[in-house]
Amino acid sequence: MSRSLSGTVRAGMVLIAILGLAAGLLVSVAPADAAPKPAWNGVYSLKRFAATKTGTSLAARQREPDFADDYTFVTECLRSRCTATVVGGPKPANPTLPQPPRYTWQNGAWVHRYSWQWDCWQGVGVPKVWRPARSVATYKPQSDGTLKGVWRTTIYGGPCRGTVVMNVAAYPVR
């Protein structure tokens, strides 16, 4: 009897050792929350490089200067999803743009996907033509604290049907 009890104790000790090692591995691998969360906080000047836009749409060929506005961002992370929300800045002239803009952290960049109505300008005195559009703006953090990316829009119909692609950047306002 003592011989089988001794074997049982030994097997129990080996099992405890294996479980302890497994638990240690889980603890050392699992803390995904220990990694720094991405954050886009504070006031940034968002510049759109409209003068060099490209694409297949009539709008991509229309001359337009670069433009910038200052916006205040606040980031909130719930579980593994981080969202930077614009909480301050000028309201857009186009009333169909979703408000407030929200950028989700995806694959190392802040991404804003949205549907809206493109207001196709065709010249002075010509009424604008409104058509559905889908945009994706992506801002990737740079080592100098700025963010750089691309804003891509697809316009579904009308005289401005096609794509507009524009480089964008965000500069911290100090």
N, C-alpha and C. Protein backbone atom coordinates (compact mmCIF):
# COMPACT_ATOMS: atom_id res chain seq x y z
N MET A 1 0.82 -1.18 0.00
CA MET A 1 0.00 0.00 0.00
C MET A 1 0.86 1.25 0.00
N SER A 2 1.89 1.27 0.79
CA SER A 2 2.73 2.46 0.85
C SER A 2 3.48 2.66 -0.46
N ARG A 3 3.75 1.54 -1.15
CA ARG A 3 4.43 1.67 -2.43
C ARG A 3 3.53 2.37 -3.47
N SER A 4 2.24 2.04 -3.56
CA SER A 4 1.36 2.69 -4.51
C SER A 4 1.03 4.12 -4.08
N LEU A 5 0.97 4.37 -2.77
CA LEU A 5 0.74 5.72 -2.27
C LEU A 5 1.91 6.62 -2.66
N SER A 6 3.12 6.08 -2.53
CA SER A 6 4.31 6.82 -2.89
C SER A 6 4.29 7.16 -4.39
N GLY A 7 3.87 6.21 -5.24
CA GLY A 7 3.77 6.45 -6.68
C GLY A 7 2.70 7.48 -6.99
N THR A 8 1.62 7.46 -6.23
CA THR A 8 0.53 8.43 -6.42
C THR A 8 1.00 9.82 -6.04
N VAL A 9 1.72 9.91 -4.93
CA VAL A 9 2.24 11.21 -4.49
C VAL A 9 3.21 11.77 -5.51
N ARG A 10 4.11 10.88 -5.99
CA ARG A 10 5.09 11.31 -6.99
C ARG A 10 4.37 11.78 -8.27
N ALA A 11 3.36 11.05 -8.74
CA ALA A 11 2.61 11.44 -9.93
C ALA A 11 1.90 12.76 -9.70
N GLY A 12 1.38 12.96 -8.49
CA GLY A 12 0.71 14.21 -8.15
C GLY A 12 1.68 15.38 -8.18
N MET A 13 2.89 15.16 -7.68
CA MET A 13 3.90 16.22 -7.67
C MET A 13 4.32 16.59 -9.10
N VAL A 14 4.45 15.57 -9.95
CA VAL A 14 4.80 15.82 -11.35
C VAL A 14 3.68 16.61 -12.02
N LEU A 15 2.43 16.23 -11.76
CA LEU A 15 1.29 16.94 -12.33
C LEU A 15 1.26 18.39 -11.87
N ILE A 16 1.51 18.63 -10.58
CA ILE A 16 1.56 20.00 -10.06
C ILE A 16 2.68 20.80 -10.72
N ALA A 17 3.83 20.17 -10.93
CA ALA A 17 4.95 20.86 -11.57
C ALA A 17 4.60 21.23 -13.02
N ILE A 18 3.95 20.31 -13.73
CA ILE A 18 3.57 20.57 -15.12
C ILE A 18 2.53 21.69 -15.18
N LEU A 19 1.53 21.63 -14.30
CA LEU A 19 0.52 22.69 -14.26
C LEU A 19 1.15 24.05 -13.91
N GLY A 20 2.10 24.03 -12.99
CA GLY A 20 2.79 25.29 -12.63
C GLY A 20 3.55 25.87 -13.80
N LEU A 21 4.25 25.01 -14.55
CA LEU A 21 4.96 25.49 -15.74
C LEU A 21 3.99 26.03 -16.78
N ALA A 22 2.89 25.32 -17.01
CA ALA A 22 1.91 25.77 -17.99
C ALA A 22 1.31 27.11 -17.58
N ALA A 23 1.00 27.27 -16.29
CA ALA A 23 0.45 28.54 -15.81
C ALA A 23 1.46 29.66 -15.99
N GLY A 24 2.73 29.37 -15.72
CA GLY A 24 3.77 30.38 -15.91
C GLY A 24 3.90 30.80 -17.35
N LEU A 25 3.79 29.86 -18.29
CA LEU A 25 3.84 30.20 -19.70
C LEU A 25 2.65 31.06 -20.10
N LEU A 26 1.46 30.72 -19.61
CA LEU A 26 0.28 31.52 -19.93
C LEU A 26 0.41 32.94 -19.42
N VAL A 27 0.92 33.10 -18.22
CA VAL A 27 1.07 34.43 -17.65
C VAL A 27 2.10 35.24 -18.44
N SER A 28 3.18 34.58 -18.88
CA SER A 28 4.21 35.33 -19.58
C SER A 28 3.81 35.65 -21.02
N VAL A 29 2.88 34.89 -21.61
CA VAL A 29 2.48 35.13 -22.98
C VAL A 29 1.19 35.95 -23.05
N ALA A 30 0.30 35.79 -22.09
CA ALA A 30 -1.05 36.31 -22.17
C ALA A 30 -1.24 37.81 -22.01
N PRO A 31 -0.40 38.53 -21.29
CA PRO A 31 -0.81 39.90 -20.99
C PRO A 31 -0.78 40.83 -22.20
N ALA A 32 -1.75 40.65 -23.08
CA ALA A 32 -1.86 41.55 -24.23
C ALA A 32 -2.16 42.96 -23.76
N ASP A 33 -2.84 43.07 -22.61
CA ASP A 33 -3.15 44.39 -22.08
C ASP A 33 -1.90 45.12 -21.59
N ALA A 34 -0.80 44.38 -21.40
CA ALA A 34 0.43 45.01 -20.94
C ALA A 34 1.08 45.83 -22.05
N ALA A 35 0.77 45.50 -23.30
CA ALA A 35 1.33 46.26 -24.42
C ALA A 35 0.72 47.65 -24.41
N PRO A 36 1.51 48.66 -24.79
CA PRO A 36 0.97 50.02 -24.81
C PRO A 36 -0.19 50.13 -25.80
N LYS A 37 -1.24 50.80 -25.36
CA LYS A 37 -2.41 51.02 -26.21
C LYS A 37 -2.11 52.19 -27.14
N PRO A 38 -2.58 52.11 -28.39
CA PRO A 38 -2.40 53.26 -29.29
C PRO A 38 -3.25 54.43 -28.80
N ALA A 39 -2.75 55.63 -29.02
CA ALA A 39 -3.50 56.82 -28.59
C ALA A 39 -3.30 57.95 -29.59
N TRP A 40 -4.41 58.63 -29.87
CA TRP A 40 -4.38 59.84 -30.67
C TRP A 40 -5.15 60.87 -29.85
N ASN A 41 -4.42 61.64 -29.06
CA ASN A 41 -5.01 62.60 -28.14
C ASN A 41 -4.42 63.99 -28.36
N GLY A 42 -5.24 65.00 -28.13
CA GLY A 42 -4.77 66.37 -28.23
C GLY A 42 -5.23 67.05 -29.51
N VAL A 43 -4.67 68.24 -29.74
CA VAL A 43 -5.05 69.04 -30.90
C VAL A 43 -4.08 68.77 -32.04
N TYR A 44 -4.64 68.47 -33.22
CA TYR A 44 -3.85 68.20 -34.42
C TYR A 44 -4.38 69.02 -35.57
N SER A 45 -3.47 69.51 -36.40
CA SER A 45 -3.84 70.17 -37.64
C SER A 45 -3.89 69.09 -38.72
N LEU A 46 -5.09 68.85 -39.26
CA LEU A 46 -5.25 67.86 -40.32
C LEU A 46 -5.16 68.56 -41.66
N LYS A 47 -4.15 68.18 -42.43
CA LYS A 47 -3.92 68.80 -43.73
C LYS A 47 -4.33 67.82 -44.83
N ARG A 48 -5.08 68.34 -45.80
CA ARG A 48 -5.47 67.56 -46.96
C ARG A 48 -4.74 68.15 -48.15
N PHE A 49 -4.01 67.31 -48.86
CA PHE A 49 -3.21 67.76 -49.99
C PHE A 49 -4.05 67.71 -51.28
N ALA A 50 -5.04 68.60 -51.33
CA ALA A 50 -6.02 68.61 -52.42
C ALA A 50 -5.40 69.04 -53.75
N ALA A 51 -4.35 69.83 -53.71
CA ALA A 51 -3.74 70.33 -54.95
C ALA A 51 -3.12 69.20 -55.76
N THR A 52 -2.79 68.08 -55.11
CA THR A 52 -2.14 66.96 -55.82
C THR A 52 -3.00 65.71 -55.81
N LYS A 53 -4.32 65.86 -55.63
CA LYS A 53 -5.20 64.69 -55.60
C LYS A 53 -5.20 64.00 -56.97
N THR A 54 -5.54 62.72 -56.94
CA THR A 54 -5.62 61.92 -58.16
C THR A 54 -6.93 61.14 -58.16
N GLY A 55 -7.15 60.37 -59.20
CA GLY A 55 -8.33 59.52 -59.27
C GLY A 55 -9.00 59.59 -60.62
N THR A 56 -10.11 58.84 -60.74
CA THR A 56 -10.83 58.75 -62.01
C THR A 56 -12.01 59.71 -62.10
N SER A 57 -12.38 60.34 -61.00
CA SER A 57 -13.53 61.24 -60.97
C SER A 57 -13.20 62.60 -61.57
N LEU A 58 -14.23 63.25 -62.11
CA LEU A 58 -14.11 64.64 -62.54
C LEU A 58 -13.58 65.49 -61.38
N ALA A 59 -14.02 65.19 -60.17
CA ALA A 59 -13.59 65.94 -58.99
C ALA A 59 -12.08 65.84 -58.76
N ALA A 60 -11.47 64.73 -59.15
CA ALA A 60 -10.03 64.57 -58.98
C ALA A 60 -9.24 65.50 -59.89
N ARG A 61 -9.86 65.94 -60.96
CA ARG A 61 -9.18 66.82 -61.92
C ARG A 61 -9.46 68.30 -61.68
N GLN A 62 -10.37 68.60 -60.75
CA GLN A 62 -10.69 70.00 -60.46
C GLN A 62 -9.60 70.60 -59.59
N ARG A 63 -9.17 71.80 -59.96
CA ARG A 63 -8.11 72.49 -59.19
C ARG A 63 -8.66 72.92 -57.84
N GLU A 64 -7.81 72.76 -56.84
CA GLU A 64 -8.21 73.07 -55.47
C GLU A 64 -6.93 73.22 -54.65
N PRO A 65 -6.88 74.19 -53.73
CA PRO A 65 -5.67 74.34 -52.91
C PRO A 65 -5.66 73.31 -51.77
N ASP A 66 -4.46 73.06 -51.22
CA ASP A 66 -4.37 72.27 -49.99
C ASP A 66 -5.10 73.02 -48.90
N PHE A 67 -5.61 72.31 -47.91
CA PHE A 67 -6.30 72.98 -46.81
C PHE A 67 -6.10 72.21 -45.52
N ALA A 68 -6.24 72.92 -44.39
CA ALA A 68 -6.04 72.30 -43.07
C ALA A 68 -6.96 72.95 -42.05
N ASP A 69 -7.32 72.17 -41.05
CA ASP A 69 -8.11 72.64 -39.92
C ASP A 69 -7.59 71.93 -38.66
N ASP A 70 -7.78 72.57 -37.51
CA ASP A 70 -7.36 71.99 -36.24
C ASP A 70 -8.51 71.23 -35.59
N TYR A 71 -8.21 70.02 -35.10
CA TYR A 71 -9.20 69.17 -34.46
C TYR A 71 -8.63 68.61 -33.16
N THR A 72 -9.49 68.41 -32.17
CA THR A 72 -9.09 67.81 -30.90
C THR A 72 -9.54 66.35 -30.88
N PHE A 73 -8.60 65.45 -30.57
CA PHE A 73 -8.87 64.02 -30.54
C PHE A 73 -8.79 63.49 -29.11
N VAL A 74 -9.63 62.50 -28.82
CA VAL A 74 -9.60 61.77 -27.56
C VAL A 74 -9.72 60.29 -27.90
N THR A 75 -8.81 59.48 -27.35
CA THR A 75 -8.82 58.04 -27.61
C THR A 75 -9.39 57.29 -26.43
N GLU A 76 -10.20 56.29 -26.74
CA GLU A 76 -10.75 55.39 -25.72
C GLU A 76 -10.54 53.96 -26.21
N CYS A 77 -10.04 53.09 -25.32
CA CYS A 77 -9.83 51.69 -25.66
C CYS A 77 -10.74 50.82 -24.79
N LEU A 78 -11.52 49.99 -25.43
CA LEU A 78 -12.36 49.02 -24.76
C LEU A 78 -11.93 47.65 -25.24
N ARG A 79 -11.47 46.85 -24.30
CA ARG A 79 -10.89 45.54 -24.63
C ARG A 79 -9.73 45.77 -25.59
N SER A 80 -9.79 45.18 -26.76
CA SER A 80 -8.67 45.35 -27.69
C SER A 80 -8.99 46.34 -28.81
N ARG A 81 -10.10 47.07 -28.71
CA ARG A 81 -10.49 48.03 -29.76
C ARG A 81 -10.29 49.46 -29.26
N CYS A 82 -9.45 50.22 -29.99
CA CYS A 82 -9.20 51.61 -29.63
C CYS A 82 -9.80 52.52 -30.71
N THR A 83 -10.49 53.57 -30.23
CA THR A 83 -11.13 54.52 -31.13
C THR A 83 -10.74 55.93 -30.73
N ALA A 84 -10.26 56.71 -31.70
CA ALA A 84 -9.96 58.13 -31.50
C ALA A 84 -11.12 58.92 -32.08
N THR A 85 -11.74 59.75 -31.24
CA THR A 85 -12.92 60.52 -31.65
C THR A 85 -12.58 61.99 -31.70
N VAL A 86 -13.04 62.68 -32.73
CA VAL A 86 -12.87 64.13 -32.82
C VAL A 86 -13.90 64.75 -31.88
N VAL A 87 -13.42 65.49 -30.87
CA VAL A 87 -14.32 66.11 -29.88
C VAL A 87 -14.33 67.63 -30.00
N GLY A 88 -13.54 68.17 -30.91
CA GLY A 88 -13.51 69.62 -31.11
C GLY A 88 -12.95 69.96 -32.47
N GLY A 89 -13.45 71.04 -33.04
CA GLY A 89 -12.98 71.48 -34.35
C GLY A 89 -14.14 71.97 -35.18
N PRO A 90 -13.84 72.49 -36.36
CA PRO A 90 -14.91 73.03 -37.20
C PRO A 90 -15.85 71.95 -37.71
N LYS A 91 -17.10 72.32 -37.86
CA LYS A 91 -18.09 71.40 -38.44
C LYS A 91 -17.92 71.42 -39.96
N PRO A 92 -18.16 70.29 -40.61
CA PRO A 92 -18.00 70.25 -42.07
C PRO A 92 -19.10 71.04 -42.79
N ALA A 93 -18.77 71.56 -43.96
CA ALA A 93 -19.76 72.27 -44.77
C ALA A 93 -20.79 71.28 -45.34
N ASN A 94 -20.36 70.04 -45.58
CA ASN A 94 -21.25 69.03 -46.13
C ASN A 94 -22.02 68.38 -44.96
N PRO A 95 -23.34 68.56 -44.89
CA PRO A 95 -24.11 68.05 -43.75
C PRO A 95 -24.27 66.54 -43.72
N THR A 96 -23.84 65.83 -44.77
CA THR A 96 -24.02 64.38 -44.80
C THR A 96 -22.84 63.63 -44.20
N LEU A 97 -21.77 64.35 -43.85
CA LEU A 97 -20.61 63.68 -43.24
C LEU A 97 -20.96 63.25 -41.82
N PRO A 98 -20.67 61.99 -41.46
CA PRO A 98 -21.02 61.51 -40.12
C PRO A 98 -20.24 62.26 -39.04
N GLN A 99 -20.95 62.61 -37.98
CA GLN A 99 -20.36 63.36 -36.87
C GLN A 99 -20.61 62.63 -35.55
N PRO A 100 -19.66 62.64 -34.65
CA PRO A 100 -18.29 63.09 -34.83
C PRO A 100 -17.47 62.04 -35.58
N PRO A 101 -16.42 62.46 -36.25
CA PRO A 101 -15.56 61.48 -36.92
C PRO A 101 -14.90 60.57 -35.88
N ARG A 102 -14.85 59.27 -36.19
CA ARG A 102 -14.22 58.27 -35.31
C ARG A 102 -13.22 57.47 -36.12
N TYR A 103 -12.01 57.34 -35.57
CA TYR A 103 -10.94 56.60 -36.21
C TYR A 103 -10.63 55.37 -35.37
N THR A 104 -10.65 54.20 -35.99
CA THR A 104 -10.38 52.94 -35.29
C THR A 104 -8.96 52.50 -35.58
N TRP A 105 -8.28 52.00 -34.53
CA TRP A 105 -6.91 51.51 -34.68
C TRP A 105 -6.95 50.16 -35.39
N GLN A 106 -6.34 50.06 -36.57
CA GLN A 106 -6.31 48.84 -37.36
C GLN A 106 -4.96 48.69 -38.04
N ASN A 107 -4.29 47.59 -37.77
CA ASN A 107 -3.02 47.27 -38.46
C ASN A 107 -2.01 48.41 -38.44
N GLY A 108 -1.85 49.06 -37.29
CA GLY A 108 -0.83 50.09 -37.14
C GLY A 108 -1.20 51.46 -37.67
N ALA A 109 -2.51 51.71 -37.90
CA ALA A 109 -2.94 53.02 -38.41
C ALA A 109 -4.33 53.34 -37.87
N TRP A 110 -4.65 54.63 -37.87
CA TRP A 110 -6.01 55.08 -37.52
C TRP A 110 -6.82 55.13 -38.80
N VAL A 111 -7.98 54.47 -38.79
CA VAL A 111 -8.79 54.33 -40.00
C VAL A 111 -10.20 54.84 -39.75
N HIS A 112 -10.67 55.69 -40.64
CA HIS A 112 -12.04 56.24 -40.58
C HIS A 112 -12.75 55.83 -41.87
N ARG A 113 -13.76 54.95 -41.75
CA ARG A 113 -14.57 54.49 -42.89
C ARG A 113 -15.96 55.10 -42.74
N TYR A 114 -16.47 55.67 -43.83
CA TYR A 114 -17.79 56.28 -43.72
C TYR A 114 -18.47 56.41 -45.08
N SER A 115 -19.79 56.42 -45.02
CA SER A 115 -20.62 56.64 -46.20
C SER A 115 -21.23 58.03 -46.09
N TRP A 116 -21.40 58.70 -47.22
CA TRP A 116 -21.92 60.06 -47.22
C TRP A 116 -22.38 60.42 -48.63
N GLN A 117 -22.72 61.66 -48.86
CA GLN A 117 -23.15 62.15 -50.17
C GLN A 117 -22.10 63.13 -50.71
N TRP A 118 -21.52 62.81 -51.85
CA TRP A 118 -20.57 63.71 -52.50
C TRP A 118 -21.36 64.83 -53.17
N ASP A 119 -20.93 66.06 -52.95
CA ASP A 119 -21.58 67.20 -53.60
C ASP A 119 -20.72 67.63 -54.79
N CYS A 120 -21.11 67.17 -55.96
CA CYS A 120 -20.31 67.36 -57.18
C CYS A 120 -20.46 68.78 -57.70
N TRP A 121 -19.35 69.52 -57.65
CA TRP A 121 -19.31 70.89 -58.16
C TRP A 121 -18.96 70.82 -59.64
N GLN A 122 -19.75 71.52 -60.46
CA GLN A 122 -19.52 71.49 -61.91
C GLN A 122 -19.28 72.87 -62.50
N GLY A 123 -19.10 73.84 -61.65
CA GLY A 123 -18.82 75.18 -62.15
C GLY A 123 -19.75 76.21 -61.54
N VAL A 124 -19.36 77.46 -61.68
CA VAL A 124 -20.14 78.57 -61.14
C VAL A 124 -21.52 78.59 -61.81
N GLY A 125 -22.55 78.70 -60.98
CA GLY A 125 -23.92 78.79 -61.49
C GLY A 125 -24.57 77.46 -61.82
N VAL A 126 -23.81 76.37 -61.73
CA VAL A 126 -24.38 75.05 -62.02
C VAL A 126 -24.71 74.39 -60.68
N PRO A 127 -25.95 73.92 -60.50
CA PRO A 127 -26.30 73.28 -59.23
C PRO A 127 -25.45 72.03 -58.97
N LYS A 128 -25.08 71.84 -57.70
CA LYS A 128 -24.32 70.65 -57.33
C LYS A 128 -25.20 69.42 -57.48
N VAL A 129 -24.56 68.30 -57.83
CA VAL A 129 -25.25 67.02 -57.92
C VAL A 129 -24.75 66.15 -56.76
N TRP A 130 -25.70 65.70 -55.93
CA TRP A 130 -25.36 64.90 -54.75
C TRP A 130 -25.49 63.42 -55.09
N ARG A 131 -24.44 62.64 -54.78
CA ARG A 131 -24.45 61.20 -55.05
C ARG A 131 -23.79 60.45 -53.89
N PRO A 132 -24.21 59.20 -53.66
CA PRO A 132 -23.61 58.40 -52.59
C PRO A 132 -22.11 58.22 -52.80
N ALA A 133 -21.39 58.23 -51.69
CA ALA A 133 -19.94 58.02 -51.73
C ALA A 133 -19.52 57.21 -50.51
N ARG A 134 -18.38 56.57 -50.63
CA ARG A 134 -17.79 55.80 -49.53
C ARG A 134 -16.34 56.21 -49.43
N SER A 135 -15.90 56.60 -48.22
CA SER A 135 -14.53 57.05 -48.02
C SER A 135 -13.83 56.22 -46.96
N VAL A 136 -12.51 56.14 -47.11
CA VAL A 136 -11.64 55.53 -46.10
C VAL A 136 -10.45 56.47 -45.95
N ALA A 137 -10.28 57.00 -44.75
CA ALA A 137 -9.11 57.85 -44.44
C ALA A 137 -8.22 57.07 -43.48
N THR A 138 -6.94 56.98 -43.81
CA THR A 138 -5.99 56.22 -43.00
C THR A 138 -4.83 57.13 -42.61
N TYR A 139 -4.54 57.18 -41.29
CA TYR A 139 -3.44 57.98 -40.76
C TYR A 139 -2.50 57.07 -40.00
N LYS A 140 -1.24 56.98 -40.44
CA LYS A 140 -0.25 56.12 -39.79
C LYS A 140 0.72 56.98 -38.98
N PRO A 141 0.87 56.69 -37.67
CA PRO A 141 1.80 57.45 -36.84
C PRO A 141 3.24 57.35 -37.35
N GLN A 142 3.94 58.48 -37.30
CA GLN A 142 5.34 58.56 -37.71
C GLN A 142 6.22 58.75 -36.47
N SER A 143 7.49 58.49 -36.59
CA SER A 143 8.41 58.58 -35.45
C SER A 143 8.55 60.01 -34.92
N ASP A 144 8.23 61.02 -35.74
CA ASP A 144 8.36 62.42 -35.30
C ASP A 144 7.08 62.96 -34.64
N GLY A 145 6.07 62.09 -34.41
CA GLY A 145 4.84 62.51 -33.75
C GLY A 145 3.74 62.95 -34.69
N THR A 146 4.04 63.01 -35.99
CA THR A 146 3.02 63.34 -36.97
C THR A 146 2.33 62.04 -37.42
N LEU A 147 1.29 62.19 -38.22
CA LEU A 147 0.63 61.05 -38.83
C LEU A 147 0.51 61.35 -40.32
N LYS A 148 0.71 60.35 -41.15
CA LYS A 148 0.60 60.53 -42.60
C LYS A 148 -0.25 59.42 -43.18
N GLY A 149 -0.95 59.74 -44.26
CA GLY A 149 -1.79 58.72 -44.85
C GLY A 149 -2.46 59.15 -46.13
N VAL A 150 -3.58 58.48 -46.39
CA VAL A 150 -4.31 58.66 -47.64
C VAL A 150 -5.81 58.67 -47.36
N TRP A 151 -6.52 59.50 -48.08
CA TRP A 151 -7.98 59.55 -48.04
C TRP A 151 -8.46 59.12 -49.41
N ARG A 152 -9.22 58.02 -49.46
CA ARG A 152 -9.72 57.47 -50.72
C ARG A 152 -11.24 57.51 -50.71
N THR A 153 -11.82 58.02 -51.78
CA THR A 153 -13.27 58.09 -51.89
C THR A 153 -13.71 57.50 -53.22
N THR A 154 -14.78 56.74 -53.17
CA THR A 154 -15.44 56.24 -54.36
C THR A 154 -16.81 56.90 -54.43
N ILE A 155 -17.10 57.55 -55.56
CA ILE A 155 -18.38 58.24 -55.77
C ILE A 155 -19.21 57.36 -56.70
N TYR A 156 -20.42 57.03 -56.25
CA TYR A 156 -21.27 56.09 -56.98
C TYR A 156 -22.33 56.80 -57.82
N GLY A 157 -21.92 57.31 -58.97
CA GLY A 157 -22.90 57.88 -59.89
C GLY A 157 -22.75 59.37 -60.09
N GLY A 158 -23.53 59.86 -61.05
CA GLY A 158 -23.52 61.29 -61.35
C GLY A 158 -22.30 61.70 -62.15
N PRO A 159 -22.18 62.99 -62.42
CA PRO A 159 -21.06 63.48 -63.23
C PRO A 159 -19.70 63.32 -62.54
N CYS A 160 -19.68 63.16 -61.22
CA CYS A 160 -18.41 62.99 -60.50
C CYS A 160 -18.12 61.52 -60.19
N ARG A 161 -18.87 60.60 -60.80
CA ARG A 161 -18.66 59.17 -60.56
C ARG A 161 -17.19 58.81 -60.75
N GLY A 162 -16.67 57.97 -59.84
CA GLY A 162 -15.27 57.54 -59.93
C GLY A 162 -14.59 57.65 -58.58
N THR A 163 -13.28 57.82 -58.60
CA THR A 163 -12.50 57.85 -57.37
C THR A 163 -11.76 59.17 -57.20
N VAL A 164 -11.52 59.51 -55.95
CA VAL A 164 -10.67 60.64 -55.58
C VAL A 164 -9.70 60.12 -54.52
N VAL A 165 -8.41 60.33 -54.72
CA VAL A 165 -7.37 59.88 -53.78
C VAL A 165 -6.52 61.09 -53.42
N MET A 166 -6.39 61.31 -52.11
CA MET A 166 -5.69 62.51 -51.64
C MET A 166 -4.78 62.13 -50.47
N ASN A 167 -3.53 62.57 -50.50
CA ASN A 167 -2.66 62.40 -49.34
C ASN A 167 -3.13 63.30 -48.21
N VAL A 168 -2.95 62.82 -46.98
CA VAL A 168 -3.34 63.56 -45.79
C VAL A 168 -2.23 63.48 -44.75
N ALA A 169 -2.25 64.41 -43.81
CA ALA A 169 -1.29 64.38 -42.71
C ALA A 169 -1.91 65.06 -41.49
N ALA A 170 -1.42 64.69 -40.33
CA ALA A 170 -1.86 65.31 -39.09
C ALA A 170 -0.63 65.75 -38.31
N TYR A 171 -0.61 67.03 -37.92
CA TYR A 171 0.54 67.60 -37.21
C TYR A 171 0.09 68.06 -35.83
N PRO A 172 0.80 67.64 -34.78
CA PRO A 172 0.42 68.11 -33.44
C PRO A 172 0.53 69.63 -33.34
N VAL A 173 -0.46 70.25 -32.72
CA VAL A 173 -0.44 71.69 -32.50
C VAL A 173 0.14 71.91 -31.13
N ARG A 174 1.26 72.62 -31.06
CA ARG A 174 1.95 72.79 -29.78
C ARG A 174 1.69 74.15 -29.21
